[in-house]
Amino acid sequence: MSANEADGLLDGYEDNFKGITVTQRHYGDVSPEVFHKRLSLSLDTWKSNGHRGIWLKIPRDQAKLIPIATELGFGFHHTRDDYLMLTKWLPTDEPNKLPSFATHYVGVAGVVVNEKNEFLLVQEKWLRNRSFIVWKFPGGMAELGENLSQTAIRETFEETGIKAEFVSVLMFRHMHDYHFGAGDLYFCCLLRPLTTNVTMDTTEIADVKWMDVNEYIDDPNTTAVNRMIAESYRDGLKSGYFICPERTPHYLQNKADQVVYRVKALEPDGLGPPKANM
């Protein structure tokens, strides 16, 4: 038992900003009455010791503790399937400086171009009720821990059955007021196909086809954003410049390498730039 536990206080991890993070390992399977007493006493102690932001992680199976935290002034920060994170800012002489939760979604499109200079395009099943047919690039939301290249390859394969390798980033779009008021970053990645057999996901995709690059750009039904994506590929071939990834060590120890994207000159080879070193 720690000194804090002996005094009826909650333990926690202290961060570089004089904050405290309390997880279930610091309070265990405790009754609401005991939790209320310990959390209230801990808040008084943390405040007198000059601590600032308090992070409180409550797992789903301890949801009975959530009303106690909100009664003591905690607000909701974010949630996942198995926990809720709450926060409380202690200083009264400075504004709350705790960072908000993720403000943006990250989506990724796979711009697959074959040796015939044709785009791999999909028609989404749930958008067929429009007055005109929209052909777009396969893509979707990045999963936690994925690099852009991984998302582009995975989404392309899931929607079309085409296996591909990553070449570069062509462009990205930034949009506000997306789902639940969050922003949306949508990265468009150039891919080189490794297979040709289409096996589309019929739960999401109504049709898949290859279309000539210039034909797609000139098609009046191509949306403005999709046309810009296609033009970015065509312009990249002319200039020889593409946005390519490089790995660099993380500035913190015990962290995976960072992936940094920057513009580089690459030589076309009939399809586009050669595969980047990733």
Protein backbone atom coordinates (compact mmCIF):
# COMPACT_ATOMS: atom_id res chain seq x y z
CA MET A 1 0.00 0.00 0.00
CA SER A 2 1.34 3.43 -0.97
CA ALA A 3 1.49 6.41 1.38
CA ASN A 4 -1.39 8.01 -0.50
CA GLU A 5 -3.56 4.92 -0.13
CA ALA A 6 -2.79 4.79 3.59
CA ASP A 7 -4.03 8.38 3.86
CA GLY A 8 -7.18 7.58 1.88
CA LEU A 9 -5.94 9.39 -1.24
CA LEU A 10 -5.93 8.18 -4.82
CA ASP A 11 -2.62 7.51 -6.53
CA GLY A 12 -2.05 8.60 -10.10
CA TYR A 13 0.51 9.25 -12.80
CA GLU A 14 1.94 12.77 -12.73
CA ASP A 15 2.69 14.31 -16.14
CA ASN A 16 5.06 17.09 -17.22
CA PHE A 17 2.34 19.73 -16.87
CA LYS A 18 1.58 19.12 -13.18
CA GLY A 19 -1.40 16.99 -14.14
CA ILE A 20 -2.55 13.72 -12.63
CA THR A 21 -4.01 10.70 -14.45
CA VAL A 22 -6.01 8.25 -12.33
CA THR A 23 -6.95 4.85 -13.74
CA GLN A 24 -8.73 1.82 -12.29
CA ARG A 25 -5.45 0.38 -11.03
CA HIS A 26 -5.33 3.33 -8.64
CA TYR A 27 -8.73 2.71 -7.04
CA GLY A 28 -9.68 -0.89 -7.86
CA ASP A 29 -13.13 -2.39 -7.45
CA VAL A 30 -14.27 0.21 -4.94
CA SER A 31 -17.76 1.05 -3.69
CA PRO A 32 -19.31 4.37 -4.75
CA GLU A 33 -19.26 5.60 -1.15
CA VAL A 34 -15.54 4.92 -0.68
CA PHE A 35 -14.73 6.31 -4.14
CA HIS A 36 -16.56 9.55 -3.36
CA LYS A 37 -14.65 10.00 -0.13
CA ARG A 38 -11.24 9.24 -1.65
CA LEU A 39 -11.77 11.34 -4.78
CA SER A 40 -13.03 14.33 -2.81
CA LEU A 41 -10.08 14.17 -0.42
CA SER A 42 -7.65 13.70 -3.31
CA LEU A 43 -8.98 16.75 -5.17
CA ASP A 44 -8.41 18.94 -2.12
CA THR A 45 -4.88 17.59 -1.73
CA TRP A 46 -4.00 17.92 -5.42
CA LYS A 47 -5.23 21.50 -5.47
CA SER A 48 -3.23 22.47 -2.40
CA ASN A 49 -0.14 20.86 -3.95
CA GLY A 50 -0.45 22.99 -7.10
CA HIS A 51 -1.61 20.27 -9.46
CA ARG A 52 -3.58 21.43 -12.48
CA GLY A 53 -5.44 19.08 -14.82
CA ILE A 54 -6.88 15.83 -13.45
CA TRP A 55 -7.64 12.96 -15.83
CA LEU A 56 -9.93 10.23 -14.53
CA LYS A 57 -10.36 7.02 -16.53
CA ILE A 58 -13.39 4.92 -15.59
CA PRO A 59 -13.88 1.52 -17.25
CA ARG A 60 -17.29 0.42 -18.44
CA ASP A 61 -17.70 -2.12 -15.65
CA GLN A 62 -17.25 0.68 -13.11
CA ALA A 63 -19.78 3.03 -14.73
CA LYS A 64 -21.50 3.41 -11.34
CA LEU A 65 -18.65 5.79 -10.41
CA ILE A 66 -19.37 8.26 -13.22
CA PRO A 67 -22.14 10.20 -11.39
CA ILE A 68 -19.80 10.67 -8.43
CA ALA A 69 -17.12 12.18 -10.67
CA THR A 70 -19.57 14.57 -12.34
CA GLU A 71 -20.95 15.58 -8.91
CA LEU A 72 -17.40 16.57 -7.94
CA GLY A 73 -17.00 18.74 -11.03
CA PHE A 74 -15.55 16.41 -13.66
CA GLY A 75 -16.63 16.77 -17.28
CA PHE A 76 -16.63 14.24 -20.10
CA HIS A 77 -13.56 14.33 -22.33
CA HIS A 78 -13.85 11.27 -24.59
CA THR A 79 -15.05 7.69 -24.62
CA ARG A 80 -14.15 4.39 -26.23
CA ASP A 81 -15.91 1.05 -26.15
CA ASP A 82 -14.46 0.09 -22.79
CA TYR A 83 -13.93 3.33 -20.85
CA LEU A 84 -14.89 6.96 -20.30
CA MET A 85 -12.26 9.65 -19.71
CA LEU A 86 -13.26 12.60 -17.52
CA THR A 87 -11.28 15.72 -16.66
CA LYS A 88 -11.28 18.48 -14.06
CA TRP A 89 -9.22 21.68 -14.17
CA LEU A 90 -8.16 22.76 -10.68
CA PRO A 91 -6.56 26.24 -10.97
CA THR A 92 -9.00 29.11 -10.50
CA ASP A 93 -6.58 31.83 -11.66
CA GLU A 94 -5.98 30.55 -15.22
CA PRO A 95 -8.20 29.19 -18.00
CA ASN A 96 -8.57 25.48 -18.63
CA LYS A 97 -5.61 24.44 -20.78
CA LEU A 98 -6.34 20.74 -21.07
CA PRO A 99 -6.33 19.67 -24.74
CA SER A 100 -9.65 18.67 -26.25
CA PHE A 101 -10.16 15.22 -27.71
CA ALA A 102 -9.51 14.53 -31.40
CA THR A 103 -10.93 17.35 -33.51
CA HIS A 104 -10.72 15.64 -36.90
CA TYR A 105 -11.52 12.44 -38.72
CA VAL A 106 -8.83 11.08 -41.04
CA GLY A 107 -9.96 9.54 -44.30
CA VAL A 108 -7.76 8.09 -47.05
CA ALA A 109 -8.44 7.41 -50.73
CA GLY A 110 -6.53 4.95 -52.88
CA VAL A 111 -5.82 6.44 -56.32
CA VAL A 112 -4.90 3.29 -58.21
CA VAL A 113 -3.48 3.76 -61.71
CA ASN A 114 -2.72 0.81 -63.98
CA GLU A 115 -0.28 0.48 -66.89
CA LYS A 116 -2.98 1.69 -69.31
CA ASN A 117 -3.16 5.00 -67.44
CA GLU A 118 -6.59 4.13 -66.05
CA PHE A 119 -8.04 4.91 -62.62
CA LEU A 120 -9.69 2.24 -60.47
CA LEU A 121 -13.09 3.71 -59.59
CA VAL A 122 -16.02 2.63 -57.45
CA GLN A 123 -19.69 3.47 -57.26
CA GLU A 124 -20.97 3.47 -53.68
CA LYS A 125 -24.10 1.41 -53.08
CA TRP A 126 -25.79 3.99 -50.86
CA LEU A 127 -25.27 6.94 -53.21
CA ARG A 128 -27.02 5.51 -56.26
CA ASN A 129 -30.18 7.53 -55.68
CA ARG A 130 -28.59 10.69 -57.07
CA SER A 131 -29.72 12.19 -60.36
CA PHE A 132 -26.35 11.27 -61.88
CA ILE A 133 -23.84 8.46 -61.37
CA VAL A 134 -20.79 9.31 -59.25
CA TRP A 135 -17.61 7.35 -59.82
CA LYS A 136 -15.06 7.92 -57.07
CA PHE A 137 -11.82 6.54 -55.72
CA PRO A 138 -12.01 3.73 -53.15
CA GLY A 139 -11.28 4.86 -49.62
CA GLY A 140 -12.46 5.19 -46.06
CA MET A 141 -11.56 6.09 -42.49
CA ALA A 142 -8.12 5.40 -41.04
CA GLU A 143 -8.08 2.97 -38.14
CA LEU A 144 -6.22 3.68 -34.92
CA GLY A 145 -2.48 3.13 -35.43
CA GLU A 146 -2.58 3.01 -39.25
CA ASN A 147 -0.27 4.99 -41.49
CA LEU A 148 -1.82 6.66 -44.53
CA SER A 149 -0.29 4.06 -46.83
CA GLN A 150 -1.80 1.21 -44.82
CA THR A 151 -5.28 2.72 -44.87
CA ALA A 152 -5.18 3.36 -48.62
CA ILE A 153 -4.05 -0.20 -49.36
CA ARG A 154 -6.54 -1.78 -46.94
CA GLU A 155 -9.56 0.24 -48.10
CA THR A 156 -8.77 -0.37 -51.76
CA PHE A 157 -8.53 -4.11 -51.18
CA GLU A 158 -11.68 -4.25 -49.02
CA GLU A 159 -13.80 -2.39 -51.56
CA THR A 160 -12.42 -3.80 -54.83
CA GLY A 161 -10.31 -6.89 -54.09
CA ILE A 162 -7.36 -5.22 -55.82
CA LYS A 163 -4.03 -5.57 -54.01
CA ALA A 164 -1.78 -2.54 -54.42
CA GLU A 165 1.41 -0.93 -53.18
CA PHE A 166 1.88 2.63 -51.96
CA VAL A 167 3.66 5.22 -54.12
CA SER A 168 2.98 8.70 -52.69
CA VAL A 169 0.46 11.18 -51.37
CA LEU A 170 -1.07 13.26 -54.15
CA MET A 171 -3.05 15.84 -52.18
CA PHE A 172 -5.33 16.22 -49.20
CA ARG A 173 -8.60 17.98 -48.43
CA HIS A 174 -9.47 19.79 -45.20
CA MET A 175 -13.17 20.20 -44.39
CA HIS A 176 -14.97 21.52 -41.32
CA ASP A 177 -18.36 20.65 -39.79
CA TYR A 178 -18.15 16.96 -40.64
CA HIS A 179 -19.65 14.22 -38.43
CA PHE A 180 -20.60 15.47 -34.94
CA GLY A 181 -19.14 18.88 -35.75
CA ALA A 182 -15.58 17.57 -36.18
CA GLY A 183 -13.30 18.40 -39.10
CA ASP A 184 -12.23 15.96 -41.80
CA LEU A 185 -8.79 15.44 -43.31
CA TYR A 186 -8.93 13.32 -46.47
CA PHE A 187 -5.61 12.16 -47.92
CA CYS A 188 -5.40 10.88 -51.49
CA CYS A 189 -2.66 8.31 -52.04
CA LEU A 190 -1.26 7.11 -55.34
CA LEU A 191 -1.13 3.31 -55.49
CA ARG A 192 0.28 0.85 -57.99
CA PRO A 193 -1.92 -2.25 -58.58
CA LEU A 194 -0.38 -5.65 -57.97
CA THR A 195 -3.42 -7.68 -59.08
CA THR A 196 -6.19 -7.20 -61.64
CA ASN A 197 -9.02 -9.46 -60.44
CA VAL A 198 -11.87 -7.33 -59.05
CA THR A 199 -13.87 -8.74 -56.14
CA MET A 200 -15.97 -5.88 -54.83
CA ASP A 201 -17.58 -5.58 -51.41
CA THR A 202 -21.26 -5.81 -52.33
CA THR A 203 -22.36 -4.49 -48.92
CA GLU A 204 -20.84 -1.09 -49.72
CA ILE A 205 -19.99 -1.00 -53.43
CA ALA A 206 -22.45 -1.17 -56.33
CA ASP A 207 -19.91 -1.30 -59.16
CA VAL A 208 -16.19 -1.10 -59.95
CA LYS A 209 -14.48 -0.15 -63.20
CA TRP A 210 -11.29 1.18 -64.77
CA MET A 211 -11.51 4.52 -66.59
CA ASP A 212 -8.94 6.45 -68.62
CA VAL A 213 -7.40 9.28 -66.61
CA ASN A 214 -8.24 12.03 -69.11
CA GLU A 215 -11.72 10.65 -69.70
CA TYR A 216 -12.40 10.80 -65.96
CA ILE A 217 -11.12 14.37 -65.70
CA ASP A 218 -13.33 15.46 -68.62
CA ASP A 219 -16.44 13.60 -67.45
CA PRO A 220 -19.05 16.23 -66.45
CA ASN A 221 -20.32 13.94 -63.68
CA THR A 222 -16.92 13.82 -61.97
CA THR A 223 -17.22 15.90 -58.79
CA ALA A 224 -14.97 18.93 -58.30
CA VAL A 225 -12.89 17.29 -55.57
CA ASN A 226 -12.43 14.04 -57.50
CA ARG A 227 -11.41 16.03 -60.56
CA MET A 228 -8.78 17.84 -58.47
CA ILE A 229 -7.46 14.48 -57.25
CA ALA A 230 -7.17 13.22 -60.82
CA GLU A 231 -5.51 16.45 -61.96
CA SER A 232 -3.02 16.19 -59.09
CA TYR A 233 -1.91 12.84 -60.47
CA ARG A 234 -1.64 14.20 -64.03
CA ASP A 235 0.21 17.32 -62.87
CA GLY A 236 2.58 15.21 -60.79
CA LEU A 237 3.54 13.21 -63.86
CA LYS A 238 4.36 16.42 -65.70
CA SER A 239 6.37 18.00 -62.89
CA GLY A 240 7.93 14.85 -61.47
CA TYR A 241 7.18 15.99 -57.92
CA PHE A 242 5.21 13.91 -55.42
CA ILE A 243 4.65 13.91 -51.66
CA CYS A 244 6.64 10.97 -50.31
CA PRO A 245 7.11 9.51 -46.84
CA GLU A 246 10.31 9.16 -44.87
CA ARG A 247 10.84 7.63 -41.47
CA THR A 248 12.64 9.60 -38.78
CA PRO A 249 13.30 8.75 -35.13
CA HIS A 250 10.75 9.98 -32.61
CA TYR A 251 11.96 12.74 -30.29
CA LEU A 252 10.76 10.67 -27.31
CA GLN A 253 12.46 7.45 -26.32
CA ASN A 254 10.61 4.14 -26.62
CA LYS A 255 8.34 5.55 -29.34
CA ALA A 256 8.00 4.21 -32.88
CA ASP A 257 9.61 6.16 -35.70
CA GLN A 258 7.67 9.09 -37.08
CA VAL A 259 6.56 9.16 -40.71
CA VAL A 260 7.22 12.55 -42.31
CA TYR A 261 5.81 13.48 -45.73
CA ARG A 262 7.62 15.93 -48.00
CA VAL A 263 7.76 16.85 -51.67
CA LYS A 264 10.39 14.97 -53.66
CA ALA A 265 11.28 14.69 -57.32
CA LEU A 266 10.64 11.19 -58.66
CA GLU A 267 11.04 9.80 -62.15
CA PRO A 268 7.97 8.48 -64.01
CA ASP A 269 8.19 4.90 -65.26
CA GLY A 270 5.07 4.50 -67.41
CA LEU A 271 2.64 4.43 -64.48
CA GLY A 272 3.88 7.25 -62.34
CA PRO A 273 6.70 7.56 -59.84
CA PRO A 274 8.46 4.45 -58.65
CA LYS A 275 7.49 3.02 -55.29
CA ALA A 276 8.64 5.20 -52.42
CA ASN A 277 10.95 3.69 -49.81
CA MET A 278 8.43 2.77 -47.10
